[in-house]
């Protein structure tokens, strides 16, 4: 048994030496384990190292997660490790939806309903801006002597232009800010949301754009999402979402660059960062973003 995990497990009420645990796949920030307590399944989430540098405030995560749980969108928090190194939540029986399943019109409708519920719920503590986060990640990565592509300053300048274009139309709400496919569980009736560590108040269009780009939604599917969310479709909303897709890719890229220097998890963070960085450049090179910036200003 991993001694570090054992140190966590013995602190949890209901843990016995005969209880079982299993590492769950997929975590590239934290390590997640399926554990058994009093014959019931739970998930132990062991926080990764240096996550404060990523802008993760664990007290804020707990507060946002608790609000989401009260809304019926997240599992209750069963236990917080005394050394604040992880949390335990009940295991949700359901299916982690594939990207194809998340693109299904019925599931998109459920996702829109779920997002709308916590976006319009009690305001999350803290403030999240993908633009500010990119600049912070960049500055921290430079301290760690991370090597960036030669055109990084030009790319950040483009992102700053996008930020200015939407500054007057921010739609504030309580946001998740990390809508990867693995953070959705479908129990056959509703969607459950996992991983609230980046949650805070912010522009709800970041969640919409972040979900759209992470799940590779087509233009038609993106419009379906917006119609399900707002009940209507406008060029301004489409443009706002498309610009936030670009912001999402930049946040993901610079998260990867910084993680390449600070994470202790074995993972190719540089390749991860370049995937999103290059996709951002490809889209900007097509000049679509200038049309979107014009549309949000109309």
C-alpha atoms as a PDB file:
ATOM      1  CA  UNK A   1       0.000   0.000   0.000  1.00  0.00           C
ATOM      2  CA  UNK A   2       1.233   3.488  -0.866  1.00  0.00           C
ATOM      3  CA  UNK A   3       2.402   4.964   2.478  1.00  0.00           C
ATOM      4  CA  UNK A   4       1.336   8.491   1.515  1.00  0.00           C
ATOM      5  CA  UNK A   5      -2.188   7.293   0.714  1.00  0.00           C
ATOM      6  CA  UNK A   6      -2.299   5.243   3.922  1.00  0.00           C
ATOM      7  CA  UNK A   7      -1.500   8.377   5.927  1.00  0.00           C
ATOM      8  CA  UNK A   8      -4.591   9.986   4.381  1.00  0.00           C
ATOM      9  CA  UNK A   9      -6.843   6.957   4.755  1.00  0.00           C
ATOM     10  CA  UNK A  10      -6.290   6.362   8.456  1.00  0.00           C
ATOM     11  CA  UNK A  11      -7.535   9.890   9.183  1.00  0.00           C
ATOM     12  CA  UNK A  12     -10.939   9.214   7.604  1.00  0.00           C
ATOM     13  CA  UNK A  13     -13.859   8.201   9.854  1.00  0.00           C
ATOM     14  CA  UNK A  14     -14.947   4.642   9.056  1.00  0.00           C
ATOM     15  CA  UNK A  15     -11.634   3.567   7.546  1.00  0.00           C
ATOM     16  CA  UNK A  16     -10.476   0.103   8.584  1.00  0.00           C
ATOM     17  CA  UNK A  17      -7.339  -1.800   7.624  1.00  0.00           C
ATOM     18  CA  UNK A  18      -9.528  -4.269   5.761  1.00  0.00           C
ATOM     19  CA  UNK A  19     -11.102  -1.524   3.667  1.00  0.00           C
ATOM     20  CA  UNK A  20     -10.150  -1.249   0.010  1.00  0.00           C
ATOM     21  CA  UNK A  21      -8.889   1.562  -2.198  1.00  0.00           C
ATOM     22  CA  UNK A  22      -8.148   1.920  -5.902  1.00  0.00           C
ATOM     23  CA  UNK A  23      -6.523   4.705  -7.908  1.00  0.00           C
ATOM     24  CA  UNK A  24      -8.931   6.227 -10.413  1.00  0.00           C
ATOM     25  CA  UNK A  25      -7.597   7.256 -13.805  1.00  0.00           C
ATOM     26  CA  UNK A  26      -7.678  10.699 -15.335  1.00  0.00           C
ATOM     27  CA  UNK A  27      -6.286  13.132 -12.761  1.00  0.00           C
ATOM     28  CA  UNK A  28      -3.543  15.462 -13.994  1.00  0.00           C
ATOM     29  CA  UNK A  29      -3.680  17.873 -11.040  1.00  0.00           C
ATOM     30  CA  UNK A  30      -4.827  15.669  -8.169  1.00  0.00           C
ATOM     31  CA  UNK A  31      -4.955  11.942  -7.437  1.00  0.00           C
ATOM     32  CA  UNK A  32      -8.379  10.353  -6.932  1.00  0.00           C
ATOM     33  CA  UNK A  33      -9.082   7.042  -5.184  1.00  0.00           C
ATOM     34  CA  UNK A  34     -12.199   4.926  -4.926  1.00  0.00           C
ATOM     35  CA  UNK A  35     -12.372   3.820  -1.294  1.00  0.00           C
ATOM     36  CA  UNK A  36     -14.783   1.800   0.824  1.00  0.00           C
ATOM     37  CA  UNK A  37     -16.039   3.058   4.195  1.00  0.00           C
ATOM     38  CA  UNK A  38     -18.487   0.914   6.164  1.00  0.00           C
ATOM     39  CA  UNK A  39     -19.254  -1.018   2.955  1.00  0.00           C
ATOM     40  CA  UNK A  40     -20.148   2.175   1.065  1.00  0.00           C
ATOM     41  CA  UNK A  41     -18.139   3.665  -1.849  1.00  0.00           C
ATOM     42  CA  UNK A  42     -16.514   7.085  -1.547  1.00  0.00           C
ATOM     43  CA  UNK A  43     -13.931   9.057  -3.480  1.00  0.00           C
ATOM     44  CA  UNK A  44     -10.789  10.336  -1.782  1.00  0.00           C
ATOM     45  CA  UNK A  45      -9.320  13.309  -3.624  1.00  0.00           C
ATOM     46  CA  UNK A  46      -5.673  13.906  -2.689  1.00  0.00           C
ATOM     47  CA  UNK A  47      -4.589  17.381  -3.714  1.00  0.00           C
ATOM     48  CA  UNK A  48      -1.571  17.786  -5.967  1.00  0.00           C
ATOM     49  CA  UNK A  49       1.535  19.669  -4.931  1.00  0.00           C
ATOM     50  CA  UNK A  50       2.004  23.423  -5.508  1.00  0.00           C
ATOM     51  CA  UNK A  51      -1.627  23.938  -6.556  1.00  0.00           C
ATOM     52  CA  UNK A  52      -1.700  27.338  -4.848  1.00  0.00           C
ATOM     53  CA  UNK A  53       0.527  28.530  -7.701  1.00  0.00           C
ATOM     54  CA  UNK A  54      -2.256  27.508 -10.096  1.00  0.00           C
ATOM     55  CA  UNK A  55      -4.631  29.887  -8.332  1.00  0.00           C
ATOM     56  CA  UNK A  56      -6.439  27.122  -6.457  1.00  0.00           C
ATOM     57  CA  UNK A  57      -7.657  28.216  -3.028  1.00  0.00           C
ATOM     58  CA  UNK A  58      -8.895  25.141  -1.174  1.00  0.00           C
ATOM     59  CA  UNK A  59     -11.149  27.069   1.215  1.00  0.00           C
ATOM     60  CA  UNK A  60     -12.851  28.670  -1.806  1.00  0.00           C
ATOM     61  CA  UNK A  61     -13.168  25.271  -3.498  1.00  0.00           C
ATOM     62  CA  UNK A  62     -14.880  23.849  -0.409  1.00  0.00           C
ATOM     63  CA  UNK A  63     -17.272  26.816  -0.263  1.00  0.00           C
ATOM     64  CA  UNK A  64     -18.195  26.567  -3.967  1.00  0.00           C
ATOM     65  CA  UNK A  65     -18.526  22.780  -3.816  1.00  0.00           C
ATOM     66  CA  UNK A  66     -20.814  23.107  -0.784  1.00  0.00           C
ATOM     67  CA  UNK A  67     -23.067  25.581  -2.606  1.00  0.00           C
ATOM     68  CA  UNK A  68     -23.240  23.254  -5.617  1.00  0.00           C
ATOM     69  CA  UNK A  69     -24.078  20.324  -3.323  1.00  0.00           C
ATOM     70  CA  UNK A  70     -26.969  22.286  -1.778  1.00  0.00           C
ATOM     71  CA  UNK A  71     -28.241  22.907  -5.313  1.00  0.00           C
ATOM     72  CA  UNK A  72     -28.177  19.143  -5.895  1.00  0.00           C
ATOM     73  CA  UNK A  73     -25.443  19.366  -8.536  1.00  0.00           C
ATOM     74  CA  UNK A  74     -22.451  17.949  -6.636  1.00  0.00           C
ATOM     75  CA  UNK A  75     -21.965  15.183  -4.062  1.00  0.00           C
ATOM     76  CA  UNK A  76     -21.892  16.302  -0.429  1.00  0.00           C
ATOM     77  CA  UNK A  77     -18.498  16.690   1.194  1.00  0.00           C
ATOM     78  CA  UNK A  78     -18.217  13.804   3.667  1.00  0.00           C
ATOM     79  CA  UNK A  79     -14.830  14.671   5.171  1.00  0.00           C
ATOM     80  CA  UNK A  80     -12.035  17.214   4.838  1.00  0.00           C
ATOM     81  CA  UNK A  81      -8.616  15.834   5.738  1.00  0.00           C
ATOM     82  CA  UNK A  82      -7.265  17.583   8.872  1.00  0.00           C
ATOM     83  CA  UNK A  83      -4.084  18.652   7.085  1.00  0.00           C
ATOM     84  CA  UNK A  84      -6.215  20.179   4.277  1.00  0.00           C
ATOM     85  CA  UNK A  85      -4.574  17.829   1.767  1.00  0.00           C
ATOM     86  CA  UNK A  86      -7.770  16.351   0.363  1.00  0.00           C
ATOM     87  CA  UNK A  87     -11.493  15.697   0.657  1.00  0.00           C
ATOM     88  CA  UNK A  88     -13.795  12.691   0.692  1.00  0.00           C
ATOM     89  CA  UNK A  89     -17.146  12.649  -1.109  1.00  0.00           C
ATOM     90  CA  UNK A  90     -19.728   9.906  -1.714  1.00  0.00           C
ATOM     91  CA  UNK A  91     -19.212   7.995  -4.941  1.00  0.00           C
ATOM     92  CA  UNK A  92     -21.850   8.964  -7.513  1.00  0.00           C
ATOM     93  CA  UNK A  93     -23.358   5.991  -9.304  1.00  0.00           C
ATOM     94  CA  UNK A  94     -23.556   6.969 -12.927  1.00  0.00           C
ATOM     95  CA  UNK A  95     -21.651   7.288 -16.164  1.00  0.00           C
ATOM     96  CA  UNK A  96     -18.859   9.656 -17.094  1.00  0.00           C
ATOM     97  CA  UNK A  97     -20.126  10.736 -20.473  1.00  0.00           C
ATOM     98  CA  UNK A  98     -17.984  10.492 -23.568  1.00  0.00           C
ATOM     99  CA  UNK A  99     -17.502  13.535 -25.796  1.00  0.00           C
ATOM    100  CA  UNK A 100     -19.943  12.081 -28.330  1.00  0.00           C
ATOM    101  CA  UNK A 101     -22.557  11.522 -25.622  1.00  0.00           C
ATOM    102  CA  UNK A 102     -22.147  15.055 -24.323  1.00  0.00           C
ATOM    103  CA  UNK A 103     -22.874  16.367 -27.820  1.00  0.00           C
ATOM    104  CA  UNK A 104     -26.250  14.609 -27.936  1.00  0.00           C
ATOM    105  CA  UNK A 105     -29.117  17.188 -28.078  1.00  0.00           C
ATOM    106  CA  UNK A 106     -30.845  15.733 -25.008  1.00  0.00           C
ATOM    107  CA  UNK A 107     -27.621  15.790 -22.967  1.00  0.00           C
ATOM    108  CA  UNK A 108     -26.820  19.315 -24.205  1.00  0.00           C
ATOM    109  CA  UNK A 109     -30.206  20.381 -22.879  1.00  0.00           C
ATOM    110  CA  UNK A 110     -29.414  18.832 -19.484  1.00  0.00           C
ATOM    111  CA  UNK A 111     -25.967  20.477 -19.446  1.00  0.00           C
ATOM    112  CA  UNK A 112     -27.525  23.879 -20.230  1.00  0.00           C
ATOM    113  CA  UNK A 113     -30.031  23.388 -17.393  1.00  0.00           C
ATOM    114  CA  UNK A 114     -27.251  22.398 -14.991  1.00  0.00           C
ATOM    115  CA  UNK A 115     -25.074  25.386 -15.913  1.00  0.00           C
ATOM    116  CA  UNK A 116     -28.021  27.757 -15.607  1.00  0.00           C
ATOM    117  CA  UNK A 117     -28.803  26.399 -12.130  1.00  0.00           C
ATOM    118  CA  UNK A 118     -25.467  27.227 -10.541  1.00  0.00           C
ATOM    119  CA  UNK A 119     -24.794  30.303 -12.693  1.00  0.00           C
ATOM    120  CA  UNK A 120     -27.939  31.880 -11.266  1.00  0.00           C
ATOM    121  CA  UNK A 121     -27.533  30.440  -7.767  1.00  0.00           C
ATOM    122  CA  UNK A 122     -25.820  31.969  -4.722  1.00  0.00           C
ATOM    123  CA  UNK A 123     -22.746  33.886  -5.800  1.00  0.00           C
ATOM    124  CA  UNK A 124     -19.524  31.907  -5.420  1.00  0.00           C
ATOM    125  CA  UNK A 125     -16.701  33.497  -3.410  1.00  0.00           C
ATOM    126  CA  UNK A 126     -13.681  34.768  -5.319  1.00  0.00           C
ATOM    127  CA  UNK A 127     -13.311  36.199  -8.791  1.00  0.00           C
ATOM    128  CA  UNK A 128     -12.121  34.356 -11.893  1.00  0.00           C
ATOM    129  CA  UNK A 129     -10.913  35.942 -15.132  1.00  0.00           C
ATOM    130  CA  UNK A 130      -9.190  33.729 -17.725  1.00  0.00           C
ATOM    131  CA  UNK A 131      -7.325  36.766 -19.007  1.00  0.00           C
ATOM    132  CA  UNK A 132      -5.863  37.642 -15.618  1.00  0.00           C
ATOM    133  CA  UNK A 133      -5.075  33.963 -14.982  1.00  0.00           C
ATOM    134  CA  UNK A 134      -3.077  33.678 -18.229  1.00  0.00           C
ATOM    135  CA  UNK A 135      -0.960  36.691 -17.263  1.00  0.00           C
ATOM    136  CA  UNK A 136      -0.398  35.275 -13.760  1.00  0.00           C
ATOM    137  CA  UNK A 137       0.554  31.840 -15.081  1.00  0.00           C
ATOM    138  CA  UNK A 138       2.929  33.440 -17.571  1.00  0.00           C
ATOM    139  CA  UNK A 139       4.687  35.510 -14.881  1.00  0.00           C
ATOM    140  CA  UNK A 140       5.011  32.503 -12.555  1.00  0.00           C
ATOM    141  CA  UNK A 141       6.272  30.258 -15.353  1.00  0.00           C
ATOM    142  CA  UNK A 142       8.973  32.805 -16.203  1.00  0.00           C
ATOM    143  CA  UNK A 143      10.171  32.664 -12.582  1.00  0.00           C
ATOM    144  CA  UNK A 144      10.501  28.897 -13.027  1.00  0.00           C
ATOM    145  CA  UNK A 145      12.445  29.511 -16.265  1.00  0.00           C
ATOM    146  CA  UNK A 146       9.872  27.837 -18.510  1.00  0.00           C
ATOM    147  CA  UNK A 147      10.706  28.258 -22.196  1.00  0.00           C
ATOM    148  CA  UNK A 148       7.881  29.717 -24.280  1.00  0.00           C
ATOM    149  CA  UNK A 149       7.394  29.942 -28.056  1.00  0.00           C
ATOM    150  CA  UNK A 150       9.087  33.004 -29.569  1.00  0.00           C
ATOM    151  CA  UNK A 151       5.805  34.778 -30.336  1.00  0.00           C
ATOM    152  CA  UNK A 152       4.381  34.521 -26.819  1.00  0.00           C
ATOM    153  CA  UNK A 153       4.189  38.299 -26.236  1.00  0.00           C
ATOM    154  CA  UNK A 154       2.300  38.769 -29.500  1.00  0.00           C
ATOM    155  CA  UNK A 155      -0.139  36.029 -28.535  1.00  0.00           C
ATOM    156  CA  UNK A 156      -0.763  37.589 -25.111  1.00  0.00           C
ATOM    157  CA  UNK A 157      -1.324  40.977 -26.773  1.00  0.00           C
ATOM    158  CA  UNK A 158      -4.039  39.397 -28.939  1.00  0.00           C
ATOM    159  CA  UNK A 159      -5.669  37.946 -25.851  1.00  0.00           C
ATOM    160  CA  UNK A 160      -5.578  41.387 -24.214  1.00  0.00           C
ATOM    161  CA  UNK A 161      -7.426  42.815 -27.235  1.00  0.00           C
ATOM    162  CA  UNK A 162     -10.112  40.144 -26.819  1.00  0.00           C
ATOM    163  CA  UNK A 163     -10.425  41.001 -23.132  1.00  0.00           C
ATOM    164  CA  UNK A 164     -11.008  44.677 -23.939  1.00  0.00           C
ATOM    165  CA  UNK A 165     -13.655  43.842 -26.536  1.00  0.00           C
ATOM    166  CA  UNK A 166     -15.880  42.006 -24.033  1.00  0.00           C
ATOM    167  CA  UNK A 167     -15.121  44.052 -20.914  1.00  0.00           C
ATOM    168  CA  UNK A 168     -18.422  45.943 -21.096  1.00  0.00           C
ATOM    169  CA  UNK A 169     -20.664  42.883 -21.638  1.00  0.00           C
ATOM    170  CA  UNK A 170     -19.475  40.524 -18.896  1.00  0.00           C
ATOM    171  CA  UNK A 171     -22.383  38.423 -17.579  1.00  0.00           C
ATOM    172  CA  UNK A 172     -21.494  37.674 -13.982  1.00  0.00           C
ATOM    173  CA  UNK A 173     -22.503  34.419 -12.354  1.00  0.00           C
ATOM    174  CA  UNK A 174     -21.183  31.540 -10.274  1.00  0.00           C
ATOM    175  CA  UNK A 175     -18.899  29.602 -12.618  1.00  0.00           C
ATOM    176  CA  UNK A 176     -17.200  26.200 -12.585  1.00  0.00           C
ATOM    177  CA  UNK A 177     -14.358  27.246 -14.935  1.00  0.00           C
ATOM    178  CA  UNK A 178     -13.078  23.740 -15.728  1.00  0.00           C
ATOM    179  CA  UNK A 179     -15.715  22.002 -17.844  1.00  0.00           C
ATOM    180  CA  UNK A 180     -13.791  18.997 -19.107  1.00  0.00           C
ATOM    181  CA  UNK A 181     -15.765  15.929 -20.145  1.00  0.00           C
ATOM    182  CA  UNK A 182     -14.576  13.920 -17.134  1.00  0.00           C
ATOM    183  CA  UNK A 183     -16.267  16.356 -14.764  1.00  0.00           C
ATOM    184  CA  UNK A 184     -19.793  15.353 -15.843  1.00  0.00           C
ATOM    185  CA  UNK A 185     -21.597  12.282 -14.484  1.00  0.00           C
ATOM    186  CA  UNK A 186     -25.019  11.262 -15.797  1.00  0.00           C
ATOM    187  CA  UNK A 187     -27.132   9.106 -13.475  1.00  0.00           C
ATOM    188  CA  UNK A 188     -29.872   8.514 -16.037  1.00  0.00           C
ATOM    189  CA  UNK A 189     -31.905  11.505 -14.886  1.00  0.00           C
ATOM    190  CA  UNK A 190     -29.624  14.438 -14.229  1.00  0.00           C
ATOM    191  CA  UNK A 191     -26.067  15.700 -14.596  1.00  0.00           C
ATOM    192  CA  UNK A 192     -23.724  15.781 -11.593  1.00  0.00           C
ATOM    193  CA  UNK A 193     -20.684  18.074 -11.614  1.00  0.00           C
ATOM    194  CA  UNK A 194     -17.271  17.218 -10.167  1.00  0.00           C
ATOM    195  CA  UNK A 195     -14.052  19.154  -9.507  1.00  0.00           C
ATOM    196  CA  UNK A 196     -14.904  22.643  -8.209  1.00  0.00           C
ATOM    197  CA  UNK A 197     -11.327  23.731  -7.496  1.00  0.00           C
ATOM    198  CA  UNK A 198     -11.308  26.593 -10.029  1.00  0.00           C
ATOM    199  CA  UNK A 199     -14.882  27.679  -9.252  1.00  0.00           C
ATOM    200  CA  UNK A 200     -15.534  31.352  -8.487  1.00  0.00           C
ATOM    201  CA  UNK A 201     -17.659  34.241  -9.674  1.00  0.00           C
ATOM    202  CA  UNK A 202     -16.959  35.312 -13.233  1.00  0.00           C
ATOM    203  CA  UNK A 203     -18.318  35.662 -16.744  1.00  0.00           C
ATOM    204  CA  UNK A 204     -20.778  32.820 -17.348  1.00  0.00           C
ATOM    205  CA  UNK A 205     -19.782  32.878 -21.026  1.00  0.00           C
ATOM    206  CA  UNK A 206     -16.422  31.424 -20.019  1.00  0.00           C
ATOM    207  CA  UNK A 207     -18.199  28.257 -18.858  1.00  0.00           C
ATOM    208  CA  UNK A 208     -20.188  28.141 -22.106  1.00  0.00           C
ATOM    209  CA  UNK A 209     -17.075  28.665 -24.215  1.00  0.00           C
ATOM    210  CA  UNK A 210     -14.937  26.347 -22.099  1.00  0.00           C
ATOM    211  CA  UNK A 211     -17.492  23.548 -22.452  1.00  0.00           C
ATOM    212  CA  UNK A 212     -17.911  24.137 -26.192  1.00  0.00           C
ATOM    213  CA  UNK A 213     -14.210  24.064 -27.020  1.00  0.00           C
ATOM    214  CA  UNK A 214     -13.341  21.191 -24.653  1.00  0.00           C
ATOM    215  CA  UNK A 215     -16.081  18.999 -26.117  1.00  0.00           C
ATOM    216  CA  UNK A 216     -15.359  20.009 -29.719  1.00  0.00           C
ATOM    217  CA  UNK A 217     -18.909  21.197 -30.358  1.00  0.00           C
ATOM    218  CA  UNK A 218     -19.717  22.061 -33.968  1.00  0.00           C
ATOM    219  CA  UNK A 219     -21.226  25.462 -34.815  1.00  0.00           C
ATOM    220  CA  UNK A 220     -24.653  23.852 -34.906  1.00  0.00           C
ATOM    221  CA  UNK A 221     -24.165  22.135 -31.540  1.00  0.00           C
ATOM    222  CA  UNK A 222     -22.857  25.361 -30.001  1.00  0.00           C
ATOM    223  CA  UNK A 223     -25.966  27.173 -31.209  1.00  0.00           C
ATOM    224  CA  UNK A 224     -28.106  24.399 -29.709  1.00  0.00           C
ATOM    225  CA  UNK A 225     -26.347  24.906 -26.373  1.00  0.00           C
ATOM    226  CA  UNK A 226     -27.005  28.658 -26.496  1.00  0.00           C
ATOM    227  CA  UNK A 227     -30.662  28.197 -27.428  1.00  0.00           C
ATOM    228  CA  UNK A 228     -31.144  25.694 -24.622  1.00  0.00           C
ATOM    229  CA  UNK A 229     -29.427  28.043 -22.179  1.00  0.00           C
ATOM    230  CA  UNK A 230     -30.995  31.391 -23.166  1.00  0.00           C
ATOM    231  CA  UNK A 231     -34.113  30.295 -25.050  1.00  0.00           C
ATOM    232  CA  UNK A 232     -32.965  32.347 -28.017  1.00  0.00           C
ATOM    233  CA  UNK A 233     -29.897  32.931 -30.197  1.00  0.00           C
ATOM    234  CA  UNK A 234     -28.165  36.212 -30.999  1.00  0.00           C
ATOM    235  CA  UNK A 235     -25.027  37.043 -32.978  1.00  0.00           C
ATOM    236  CA  UNK A 236     -23.634  38.873 -29.950  1.00  0.00           C
ATOM    237  CA  UNK A 237     -23.969  35.791 -27.729  1.00  0.00           C
ATOM    238  CA  UNK A 238     -22.375  33.573 -30.385  1.00  0.00           C
ATOM    239  CA  UNK A 239     -19.462  36.000 -30.701  1.00  0.00           C
ATOM    240  CA  UNK A 240     -19.076  36.268 -26.915  1.00  0.00           C
ATOM    241  CA  UNK A 241     -18.917  32.476 -26.631  1.00  0.00           C
ATOM    242  CA  UNK A 242     -16.457  32.139 -29.522  1.00  0.00           C
ATOM    243  CA  UNK A 243     -14.098  34.675 -27.945  1.00  0.00           C
ATOM    244  CA  UNK A 244     -14.281  32.822 -24.649  1.00  0.00           C
ATOM    245  CA  UNK A 245     -13.327  29.628 -26.478  1.00  0.00           C
ATOM    246  CA  UNK A 246     -10.098  31.391 -27.396  1.00  0.00           C
ATOM    247  CA  UNK A 247      -9.622  32.519 -23.796  1.00  0.00           C
ATOM    248  CA  UNK A 248     -10.223  28.939 -22.667  1.00  0.00           C
ATOM    249  CA  UNK A 249      -7.493  27.584 -24.932  1.00  0.00           C
ATOM    250  CA  UNK A 250      -5.041  30.177 -23.660  1.00  0.00           C
ATOM    251  CA  UNK A 251      -5.852  29.422 -20.029  1.00  0.00           C
ATOM    252  CA  UNK A 252      -5.333  25.712 -20.715  1.00  0.00           C
ATOM    253  CA  UNK A 253      -2.065  26.348 -22.567  1.00  0.00           C
ATOM    254  CA  UNK A 254      -0.517  28.519 -19.869  1.00  0.00           C
ATOM    255  CA  UNK A 255      -1.760  26.160 -17.151  1.00  0.00           C
ATOM    256  CA  UNK A 256       0.192  23.444 -18.945  1.00  0.00           C
ATOM    257  CA  UNK A 257       3.332  25.561 -19.287  1.00  0.00           C
ATOM    258  CA  UNK A 258       3.317  26.344 -15.559  1.00  0.00           C
ATOM    259  CA  UNK A 259       2.525  22.740 -14.604  1.00  0.00           C
ATOM    260  CA  UNK A 260       5.523  21.571 -16.616  1.00  0.00           C
ATOM    261  CA  UNK A 261       7.681  23.274 -13.995  1.00  0.00           C
ATOM    262  CA  UNK A 262       5.828  22.617 -10.747  1.00  0.00           C
ATOM    263  CA  UNK A 263       3.821  19.383 -10.981  1.00  0.00           C
ATOM    264  CA  UNK A 264       5.071  16.129  -9.452  1.00  0.00           C
ATOM    265  CA  UNK A 265       2.677  14.011 -11.564  1.00  0.00           C
ATOM    266  CA  UNK A 266       4.260  12.156 -14.476  1.00  0.00           C
ATOM    267  CA  UNK A 267       2.607  13.770 -17.491  1.00  0.00           C
ATOM    268  CA  UNK A 268       3.780  15.639 -20.617  1.00  0.00           C
ATOM    269  CA  UNK A 269       2.487  19.081 -19.699  1.00  0.00           C
ATOM    270  CA  UNK A 270       4.503  20.828 -22.402  1.00  0.00           C
ATOM    271  CA  UNK A 271       2.849  18.824 -25.177  1.00  0.00           C
ATOM    272  CA  UNK A 272      -0.503  19.491 -23.497  1.00  0.00           C
ATOM    273  CA  UNK A 273       0.219  23.235 -23.447  1.00  0.00           C
ATOM    274  CA  UNK A 274       1.328  23.374 -27.070  1.00  0.00           C
ATOM    275  CA  UNK A 275      -1.832  21.606 -28.233  1.00  0.00           C
ATOM    276  CA  UNK A 276      -3.981  24.475 -26.937  1.00  0.00           C
ATOM    277  CA  UNK A 277      -1.466  27.198 -27.769  1.00  0.00           C
ATOM    278  CA  UNK A 278      -1.289  26.089 -31.397  1.00  0.00           C
ATOM    279  CA  UNK A 279      -5.057  25.781 -31.690  1.00  0.00           C
ATOM    280  CA  UNK A 280      -5.412  29.352 -30.450  1.00  0.00           C
ATOM    281  CA  UNK A 281      -2.926  30.531 -33.075  1.00  0.00           C
ATOM    282  CA  UNK A 282      -4.675  28.621 -35.852  1.00  0.00           C
ATOM    283  CA  UNK A 283      -7.998  30.268 -35.051  1.00  0.00           C
ATOM    284  CA  UNK A 284      -6.492  33.748 -34.721  1.00  0.00           C
ATOM    285  CA  UNK A 285      -4.660  33.360 -38.036  1.00  0.00           C
ATOM    286  CA  UNK A 286      -8.023  32.923 -39.735  1.00  0.00           C
ATOM    287  CA  UNK A 287      -8.994  36.399 -38.450  1.00  0.00           C
ATOM    288  CA  UNK A 288     -12.384  35.143 -37.255  1.00  0.00           C
ATOM    289  CA  UNK A 289     -11.779  36.677 -33.859  1.00  0.00           C
ATOM    290  CA  UNK A 290     -11.823  40.205 -35.309  1.00  0.00           C
ATOM    291  CA  UNK A 291     -15.339  39.667 -36.654  1.00  0.00           C
ATOM    292  CA  UNK A 292     -16.408  38.283 -33.275  1.00  0.00           C
ATOM    293  CA  UNK A 293     -14.942  41.316 -31.486  1.00  0.00           C
ATOM    294  CA  UNK A 294     -16.922  43.575 -33.833  1.00  0.00           C
ATOM    295  CA  UNK A 295     -20.119  41.619 -33.158  1.00  0.00           C
ATOM    296  CA  UNK A 296     -19.870  41.840 -29.363  1.00  0.00           C
ATOM    297  CA  UNK A 297     -19.492  45.613 -29.628  1.00  0.00           C
ATOM    298  CA  UNK A 298     -22.688  46.093 -31.661  1.00  0.00           C
END
